[in-house]
């Protein structure tokens, strides 16, 4: 290394020392520590995404975006209210049509599966139902002609009203299924929102980071060249 290069390096060193006295600048170790601390403060992408998949808005809340968190949590609360509401109303209708069948078709409601409640709406009585199954050669669908499975509708109007109640219950159960789909959608949207926030914060952090870089090169003539690159972002 020639004398000019040594003098230039000393001049750079003195300039940096004076700048540090005027405004402290972190050395290499301090700069690395600050970068590591900044990375620690950067929210964990996987952790906050999982939070939002479990409870929509939890990831946003963990990152300090409480306004967004309240939106997703409020949506989740309303969906649960809607789900339990639709399920409860469907159960009320179910009790109504079973009680109605007990009064207007003399049905014994104890220990009957879902298929039985469908079948009693298809025929006026158990005898007509079994006769139709025999014509269809479907003996497995026959019911014992005993008191436990007996039914006899008092009118076609009563049977029609019963079937309308069953259709109504089915529609409300379908609404509950739609609410379950909304649960999934709310979680996906919340997780995507967390990813967007993390990307936004990472870009902001990159724009604010300053860089100080030394580069030493040797020319073809054997002379050394020391380059100092410095970029400051606000």
Protein backbone atom coordinates (compact mmCIF):
# COMPACT_ATOMS: atom_id res chain seq x y z
CA UNK A 1 0.00 0.00 0.00
CA UNK A 2 1.60 3.32 -1.09
CA UNK A 3 1.86 6.51 0.92
CA UNK A 4 -1.05 8.23 -0.86
CA UNK A 5 -3.40 5.39 -0.02
CA UNK A 6 -2.35 5.44 3.63
CA UNK A 7 -2.94 9.20 3.80
CA UNK A 8 -6.34 8.83 2.17
CA UNK A 9 -7.37 6.11 4.59
CA UNK A 10 -6.27 8.25 7.55
CA UNK A 11 -8.27 11.17 6.17
CA UNK A 12 -11.39 9.01 5.92
CA UNK A 13 -10.84 7.70 9.44
CA UNK A 14 -10.47 11.23 10.86
CA UNK A 15 -13.61 12.40 9.00
CA UNK A 16 -15.68 9.55 10.39
CA UNK A 17 -14.32 10.18 13.90
CA UNK A 18 -15.32 13.83 13.73
CA UNK A 19 -18.78 12.87 12.46
CA UNK A 20 -19.19 10.45 15.36
CA UNK A 21 -18.34 13.21 17.84
CA UNK A 22 -20.91 15.53 16.27
CA UNK A 23 -23.59 12.84 15.95
CA UNK A 24 -22.93 9.32 17.31
CA UNK A 25 -22.97 6.65 14.62
CA UNK A 26 -23.09 2.95 15.49
CA UNK A 27 -19.98 0.89 14.77
CA UNK A 28 -20.13 -2.44 12.92
CA UNK A 29 -21.09 -4.42 16.03
CA UNK A 30 -23.67 -1.87 17.17
CA UNK A 31 -25.15 -1.70 13.68
CA UNK A 32 -25.46 -5.47 13.58
CA UNK A 33 -27.07 -5.49 17.03
CA UNK A 34 -29.56 -2.81 15.96
CA UNK A 35 -30.43 -4.78 12.83
CA UNK A 36 -30.98 -7.93 14.91
CA UNK A 37 -33.15 -5.97 17.35
CA UNK A 38 -35.17 -4.61 14.46
CA UNK A 39 -35.67 -8.13 13.15
CA UNK A 40 -36.82 -9.21 16.59
CA UNK A 41 -39.35 -6.38 16.64
CA UNK A 42 -40.58 -7.39 13.19
CA UNK A 43 -43.69 -9.50 13.73
CA UNK A 44 -43.36 -13.22 13.06
CA UNK A 45 -45.21 -13.90 9.85
CA UNK A 46 -46.08 -17.51 10.64
CA UNK A 47 -47.13 -16.77 14.24
CA UNK A 48 -49.52 -13.95 13.37
CA UNK A 49 -50.99 -15.82 10.42
CA UNK A 50 -51.73 -18.77 12.70
CA UNK A 51 -53.29 -16.42 15.23
CA UNK A 52 -55.66 -15.08 12.58
CA UNK A 53 -56.50 -18.56 11.31
CA UNK A 54 -57.49 -19.58 14.84
CA UNK A 55 -59.26 -16.33 15.74
CA UNK A 56 -59.73 -13.72 13.01
CA UNK A 57 -58.19 -10.42 14.11
CA UNK A 58 -55.83 -11.97 16.68
CA UNK A 59 -52.83 -11.52 14.40
CA UNK A 60 -53.69 -7.87 13.79
CA UNK A 61 -54.16 -7.33 17.53
CA UNK A 62 -50.75 -8.85 18.27
CA UNK A 63 -49.18 -6.46 15.74
CA UNK A 64 -50.88 -3.41 17.23
CA UNK A 65 -53.50 -2.88 14.50
CA UNK A 66 -56.44 -2.93 16.90
CA UNK A 67 -58.85 -1.19 14.54
CA UNK A 68 -58.48 -3.95 11.96
CA UNK A 69 -58.56 -6.57 14.72
CA UNK A 70 -61.88 -5.29 16.04
CA UNK A 71 -63.40 -5.52 12.56
CA UNK A 72 -62.51 -9.19 12.11
CA UNK A 73 -63.35 -10.09 15.71
CA UNK A 74 -66.69 -8.30 15.42
CA UNK A 75 -67.43 -10.22 12.23
CA UNK A 76 -66.56 -13.46 13.99
CA UNK A 77 -68.88 -12.61 16.88
CA UNK A 78 -71.77 -11.85 14.53
CA UNK A 79 -71.19 -15.11 12.64
CA UNK A 80 -71.35 -17.11 15.87
CA UNK A 81 -74.56 -15.34 16.82
CA UNK A 82 -75.96 -16.14 13.39
CA UNK A 83 -74.85 -19.77 13.57
CA UNK A 84 -76.37 -20.46 16.97
CA UNK A 85 -79.47 -18.50 16.00
CA UNK A 86 -80.10 -20.52 12.85
CA UNK A 87 -79.39 -23.81 14.60
CA UNK A 88 -81.67 -22.94 17.49
CA UNK A 89 -84.50 -21.91 15.19
CA UNK A 90 -84.08 -25.11 13.14
CA UNK A 91 -84.36 -27.13 16.37
CA UNK A 92 -87.53 -25.25 17.29
CA UNK A 93 -89.09 -26.09 13.93
CA UNK A 94 -88.03 -29.72 14.34
CA UNK A 95 -89.79 -29.95 17.69
CA UNK A 96 -92.84 -28.30 16.14
CA UNK A 97 -93.25 -30.73 13.23
CA UNK A 98 -92.62 -33.77 15.42
CA UNK A 99 -95.19 -32.59 17.92
CA UNK A 100 -97.58 -31.82 15.06
CA UNK A 101 -97.13 -35.38 13.70
CA UNK A 102 -97.81 -36.78 17.15
CA UNK A 103 -101.15 -34.96 17.28
CA UNK A 104 -102.32 -35.24 13.65
CA UNK A 105 -100.83 -38.62 12.68
CA UNK A 106 -100.75 -40.48 16.01
CA UNK A 107 -96.97 -40.89 15.73
CA UNK A 108 -94.90 -42.28 18.57
CA UNK A 109 -91.96 -39.82 18.52
CA UNK A 110 -89.58 -41.91 20.68
CA UNK A 111 -86.36 -43.23 19.10
CA UNK A 112 -87.04 -42.45 15.46
CA UNK A 113 -84.30 -41.74 12.94
CA UNK A 114 -84.34 -38.96 10.33
CA UNK A 115 -85.52 -41.30 7.57
CA UNK A 116 -88.69 -42.13 9.50
CA UNK A 117 -89.65 -38.45 9.69
CA UNK A 118 -89.13 -38.17 5.94
CA UNK A 119 -91.18 -41.29 5.17
CA UNK A 120 -94.25 -40.40 7.23
CA UNK A 121 -94.68 -37.29 5.08
CA UNK A 122 -94.74 -39.32 1.87
CA UNK A 123 -97.86 -41.42 2.57
CA UNK A 124 -101.17 -41.01 4.39
CA UNK A 125 -100.48 -44.01 6.62
CA UNK A 126 -98.04 -46.83 7.27
CA UNK A 127 -100.08 -49.32 5.22
CA UNK A 128 -100.00 -47.23 2.06
CA UNK A 129 -96.29 -46.67 2.54
CA UNK A 130 -95.48 -50.39 2.93
CA UNK A 131 -97.63 -51.29 -0.08
CA UNK A 132 -95.70 -48.83 -2.22
CA UNK A 133 -92.36 -50.25 -1.02
CA UNK A 134 -93.55 -53.77 -1.93
CA UNK A 135 -94.48 -52.59 -5.43
CA UNK A 136 -91.01 -51.07 -5.68
CA UNK A 137 -89.54 -54.40 -4.46
CA UNK A 138 -87.77 -52.56 -1.65
CA UNK A 139 -88.47 -54.80 1.34
CA UNK A 140 -85.63 -53.25 3.34
CA UNK A 141 -87.63 -50.02 3.59
CA UNK A 142 -90.71 -51.66 5.16
CA UNK A 143 -91.81 -50.65 8.66
CA UNK A 144 -93.30 -53.10 11.18
CA UNK A 145 -97.04 -52.48 11.31
CA UNK A 146 -96.97 -52.01 15.06
CA UNK A 147 -97.71 -49.19 17.45
CA UNK A 148 -94.09 -48.00 17.57
CA UNK A 149 -94.03 -47.15 13.85
CA UNK A 150 -97.70 -46.56 13.16
CA UNK A 151 -98.97 -43.34 11.59
CA UNK A 152 -102.26 -42.24 10.11
CA UNK A 153 -102.74 -38.63 9.00
CA UNK A 154 -106.10 -37.12 9.80
CA UNK A 155 -106.13 -35.18 6.49
CA UNK A 156 -104.01 -34.45 3.45
CA UNK A 157 -103.85 -30.83 4.55
CA UNK A 158 -102.20 -31.87 7.82
CA UNK A 159 -99.64 -33.97 5.96
CA UNK A 160 -98.95 -31.05 3.61
CA UNK A 161 -98.45 -28.66 6.52
CA UNK A 162 -96.08 -31.16 8.14
CA UNK A 163 -94.00 -31.38 4.97
CA UNK A 164 -93.82 -27.60 4.77
CA UNK A 165 -92.43 -27.49 8.29
CA UNK A 166 -89.78 -30.06 7.40
CA UNK A 167 -88.75 -28.07 4.32
CA UNK A 168 -88.53 -24.95 6.45
CA UNK A 169 -86.28 -26.70 8.94
CA UNK A 170 -84.06 -27.96 6.12
CA UNK A 171 -83.68 -24.42 4.76
CA UNK A 172 -82.57 -23.10 8.13
CA UNK A 173 -80.05 -25.92 8.48
CA UNK A 174 -78.65 -24.94 5.08
CA UNK A 175 -78.27 -21.35 6.34
CA UNK A 176 -76.20 -22.70 9.23
CA UNK A 177 -73.99 -24.46 6.68
CA UNK A 178 -73.47 -21.16 4.84
CA UNK A 179 -72.43 -19.55 8.13
CA UNK A 180 -69.77 -22.26 8.56
CA UNK A 181 -68.42 -21.30 5.14
CA UNK A 182 -68.35 -17.66 6.27
CA UNK A 183 -66.26 -18.73 9.29
CA UNK A 184 -63.64 -20.16 6.93
CA UNK A 185 -63.74 -17.10 4.67
CA UNK A 186 -63.31 -14.68 7.60
CA UNK A 187 -60.20 -16.56 8.72
CA UNK A 188 -58.68 -16.59 5.25
CA UNK A 189 -59.28 -12.87 4.72
CA UNK A 190 -57.83 -12.09 8.17
CA UNK A 191 -54.69 -14.15 7.45
CA UNK A 192 -54.24 -12.46 4.06
CA UNK A 193 -54.58 -9.07 5.76
CA UNK A 194 -51.79 -10.03 8.20
CA UNK A 195 -49.52 -10.94 5.26
CA UNK A 196 -50.22 -7.55 3.66
CA UNK A 197 -49.41 -5.72 6.90
CA UNK A 198 -46.12 -7.59 7.31
CA UNK A 199 -45.07 -6.84 3.74
CA UNK A 200 -45.95 -3.19 4.21
CA UNK A 201 -43.90 -2.94 7.42
CA UNK A 202 -40.94 -4.76 5.87
CA UNK A 203 -40.89 -2.35 2.92
CA UNK A 204 -41.09 0.61 5.29
CA UNK A 205 -38.20 -0.75 7.35
CA UNK A 206 -36.09 -1.28 4.23
CA UNK A 207 -36.69 2.30 3.08
CA UNK A 208 -35.61 3.68 6.45
CA UNK A 209 -32.41 1.64 6.72
CA UNK A 210 -29.09 3.46 6.00
CA UNK A 211 -26.02 1.74 4.59
CA UNK A 212 -22.27 2.40 5.04
CA UNK A 213 -19.98 0.29 2.85
CA UNK A 214 -16.17 0.24 2.34
CA UNK A 215 -14.69 -1.30 -0.78
CA UNK A 216 -10.96 -1.69 -1.49
CA UNK A 217 -9.76 -2.52 -5.01
CA UNK A 218 -6.36 -2.90 -6.64
CA UNK A 219 -5.91 -1.40 -10.12
CA UNK A 220 -3.87 -2.94 -12.96
CA UNK A 221 -0.94 -0.67 -12.11
CA UNK A 222 -0.85 -2.03 -8.58
CA UNK A 223 -2.30 1.07 -6.94
CA UNK A 224 -4.95 0.64 -4.29
CA UNK A 225 -8.33 2.37 -4.42
CA UNK A 226 -10.54 2.71 -1.37
CA UNK A 227 -14.22 3.48 -2.01
CA UNK A 228 -16.66 4.67 0.63
CA UNK A 229 -20.36 4.21 -0.22
CA UNK A 230 -22.93 5.75 2.08
CA UNK A 231 -26.70 5.90 1.62
CA UNK A 232 -29.14 7.51 4.03
CA UNK A 233 -32.88 6.87 3.78
CA UNK A 234 -35.55 8.67 5.78
